[in-house]
Amino acid sequence: MVETIDWDTFYNRFKEQGKENYFSRDALEALFDFMNFIDPDYILDVDELCEDFCEDPIKDNNLVELLEKTHVVWHDNKKVLYQSFPLDGDGFK
């Protein structure tokens, strides 16, 4: 059985595990949208998402480097949310 997760449930699962501030609100919303797009049947695992994605300040040209090496989920002019492992030849982990 697959559970459909809406934004409130997604956020509350992070909150229940004390990780509601692990990502900024904008990055967490982008991650929710990204996961729904990539795999609508994804079974939410907060720990896995916190291990697989990073949010860091944008420094110099690191955004360009990240775009070449991994999935960049979201960015603004200050921060970037990206997959914390490099892409293989197919563009997946």
C-alpha atoms as a PDB file:
ATOM      1  CA  MET A   1       0.000   0.000   0.000  1.00  0.00           C
ATOM      2  CA  VAL A   2       1.355   3.390  -0.967  1.00  0.00           C
ATOM      3  CA  GLU A   3       0.618   6.382   1.228  1.00  0.00           C
ATOM      4  CA  THR A   4       0.008   9.670  -0.551  1.00  0.00           C
ATOM      5  CA  ILE A   5       1.929  12.415   1.204  1.00  0.00           C
ATOM      6  CA  ASP A   6       0.901  16.041   0.928  1.00  0.00           C
ATOM      7  CA  TRP A   7       3.072  18.993   1.907  1.00  0.00           C
ATOM      8  CA  ASP A   8       1.762  19.150   5.498  1.00  0.00           C
ATOM      9  CA  THR A   9       2.433  15.450   6.103  1.00  0.00           C
ATOM     10  CA  PHE A  10       5.893  15.758   4.528  1.00  0.00           C
ATOM     11  CA  TYR A  11       6.775  18.704   6.765  1.00  0.00           C
ATOM     12  CA  ASN A  12       5.295  17.030   9.855  1.00  0.00           C
ATOM     13  CA  ARG A  13       7.399  13.897   9.302  1.00  0.00           C
ATOM     14  CA  PHE A  14      10.510  16.068   9.345  1.00  0.00           C
ATOM     15  CA  LYS A  15       9.200  17.834  12.449  1.00  0.00           C
ATOM     16  CA  GLU A  16       8.417  14.544  14.236  1.00  0.00           C
ATOM     17  CA  GLN A  17      12.063  13.558  13.789  1.00  0.00           C
ATOM     18  CA  GLY A  18      13.356  16.948  14.921  1.00  0.00           C
ATOM     19  CA  LYS A  19      14.640  17.779  11.431  1.00  0.00           C
ATOM     20  CA  GLU A  20      12.204  20.502  10.379  1.00  0.00           C
ATOM     21  CA  ASN A  21      15.124  22.955  10.272  1.00  0.00           C
ATOM     22  CA  TYR A  22      17.578  20.614   8.534  1.00  0.00           C
ATOM     23  CA  PHE A  23      16.749  22.436   5.277  1.00  0.00           C
ATOM     24  CA  SER A  24      15.408  25.941   4.814  1.00  0.00           C
ATOM     25  CA  ARG A  25      11.678  26.179   4.182  1.00  0.00           C
ATOM     26  CA  ASP A  26      12.215  27.000   0.488  1.00  0.00           C
ATOM     27  CA  ALA A  27      14.617  24.095   0.048  1.00  0.00           C
ATOM     28  CA  LEU A  28      12.285  21.683   1.849  1.00  0.00           C
ATOM     29  CA  GLU A  29       9.376  22.727  -0.372  1.00  0.00           C
ATOM     30  CA  ALA A  30      11.581  22.250  -3.454  1.00  0.00           C
ATOM     31  CA  LEU A  31      12.624  18.811  -2.176  1.00  0.00           C
ATOM     32  CA  PHE A  32       8.974  17.846  -1.724  1.00  0.00           C
ATOM     33  CA  ASP A  33       8.194  18.901  -5.299  1.00  0.00           C
ATOM     34  CA  PHE A  34      11.323  17.179  -6.636  1.00  0.00           C
ATOM     35  CA  MET A  35      10.522  13.867  -4.953  1.00  0.00           C
ATOM     36  CA  ASN A  36       6.936  13.982  -6.234  1.00  0.00           C
ATOM     37  CA  PHE A  37       8.228  14.595  -9.739  1.00  0.00           C
ATOM     38  CA  ILE A  38      11.027  11.988  -9.701  1.00  0.00           C
ATOM     39  CA  ASP A  39       9.092   9.211  -7.971  1.00  0.00           C
ATOM     40  CA  PRO A  40       5.440   9.813  -7.008  1.00  0.00           C
ATOM     41  CA  ASP A  41       5.480   6.411  -5.254  1.00  0.00           C
ATOM     42  CA  TYR A  42       8.543   7.226  -3.131  1.00  0.00           C
ATOM     43  CA  ILE A  43       8.122   5.992   0.436  1.00  0.00           C
ATOM     44  CA  LEU A  44       9.154   8.899   2.638  1.00  0.00           C
ATOM     45  CA  ASP A  45      12.325   8.307   4.608  1.00  0.00           C
ATOM     46  CA  VAL A  46      13.410  11.533   6.313  1.00  0.00           C
ATOM     47  CA  ASP A  47      16.816  10.169   7.328  1.00  0.00           C
ATOM     48  CA  GLU A  48      17.529   9.047   3.773  1.00  0.00           C
ATOM     49  CA  LEU A  49      16.633  12.471   2.355  1.00  0.00           C
ATOM     50  CA  CYS A  50      18.845  14.187   4.927  1.00  0.00           C
ATOM     51  CA  GLU A  51      21.723  11.908   3.915  1.00  0.00           C
ATOM     52  CA  ASP A  52      21.141  12.198   0.159  1.00  0.00           C
ATOM     53  CA  PHE A  53      20.627  15.967  -0.131  1.00  0.00           C
ATOM     54  CA  CYS A  54      22.626  18.967   1.059  1.00  0.00           C
ATOM     55  CA  GLU A  55      21.838  22.650   1.297  1.00  0.00           C
ATOM     56  CA  ASP A  56      24.872  24.911   1.266  1.00  0.00           C
ATOM     57  CA  PRO A  57      25.730  28.523   0.592  1.00  0.00           C
ATOM     58  CA  ILE A  58      26.605  29.300  -3.016  1.00  0.00           C
ATOM     59  CA  LYS A  59      30.291  30.167  -3.269  1.00  0.00           C
ATOM     60  CA  ASP A  60      32.007  31.509  -6.366  1.00  0.00           C
ATOM     61  CA  ASN A  61      31.411  28.976  -9.149  1.00  0.00           C
ATOM     62  CA  ASN A  62      30.333  25.961  -7.100  1.00  0.00           C
ATOM     63  CA  LEU A  63      26.832  26.108  -8.617  1.00  0.00           C
ATOM     64  CA  VAL A  64      28.258  25.496 -12.091  1.00  0.00           C
ATOM     65  CA  GLU A  65      30.324  22.595 -10.774  1.00  0.00           C
ATOM     66  CA  LEU A  66      27.326  21.105  -8.965  1.00  0.00           C
ATOM     67  CA  LEU A  67      25.172  21.389 -12.105  1.00  0.00           C
ATOM     68  CA  GLU A  68      27.792  19.356 -13.971  1.00  0.00           C
ATOM     69  CA  LYS A  69      28.137  16.654 -11.309  1.00  0.00           C
ATOM     70  CA  THR A  70      24.796  16.090  -9.592  1.00  0.00           C
ATOM     71  CA  HIS A  71      21.110  17.004  -9.411  1.00  0.00           C
ATOM     72  CA  VAL A  72      20.597  20.586  -8.313  1.00  0.00           C
ATOM     73  CA  VAL A  73      17.078  20.654  -6.924  1.00  0.00           C
ATOM     74  CA  TRP A  74      16.793  24.337  -6.027  1.00  0.00           C
ATOM     75  CA  HIS A  75      18.840  27.473  -5.632  1.00  0.00           C
ATOM     76  CA  ASP A  76      18.425  31.143  -5.017  1.00  0.00           C
ATOM     77  CA  ASN A  77      21.155  33.757  -4.996  1.00  0.00           C
ATOM     78  CA  LYS A  78      22.452  32.576  -1.609  1.00  0.00           C
ATOM     79  CA  LYS A  79      21.866  28.816  -1.174  1.00  0.00           C
ATOM     80  CA  VAL A  80      21.706  25.648  -3.234  1.00  0.00           C
ATOM     81  CA  LEU A  81      20.002  22.296  -2.555  1.00  0.00           C
ATOM     82  CA  TYR A  82      21.616  19.376  -4.338  1.00  0.00           C
ATOM     83  CA  GLN A  83      22.016  15.627  -4.291  1.00  0.00           C
ATOM     84  CA  SER A  84      25.089  14.841  -2.219  1.00  0.00           C
ATOM     85  CA  PHE A  85      26.466  12.170  -4.531  1.00  0.00           C
ATOM     86  CA  PRO A  86      27.705  12.355  -8.109  1.00  0.00           C
ATOM     87  CA  LEU A  87      25.707  11.244 -11.102  1.00  0.00           C
ATOM     88  CA  ASP A  88      26.662   8.100 -12.951  1.00  0.00           C
ATOM     89  CA  GLY A  89      26.467   7.881 -16.728  1.00  0.00           C
ATOM     90  CA  ASP A  90      22.661   7.536 -16.631  1.00  0.00           C
ATOM     91  CA  GLY A  91      22.156  10.566 -14.403  1.00  0.00           C
ATOM     92  CA  PHE A  92      21.198   8.491 -11.372  1.00  0.00           C
ATOM     93  CA  LYS A  93      22.893   7.321  -8.189  1.00  0.00           C
END
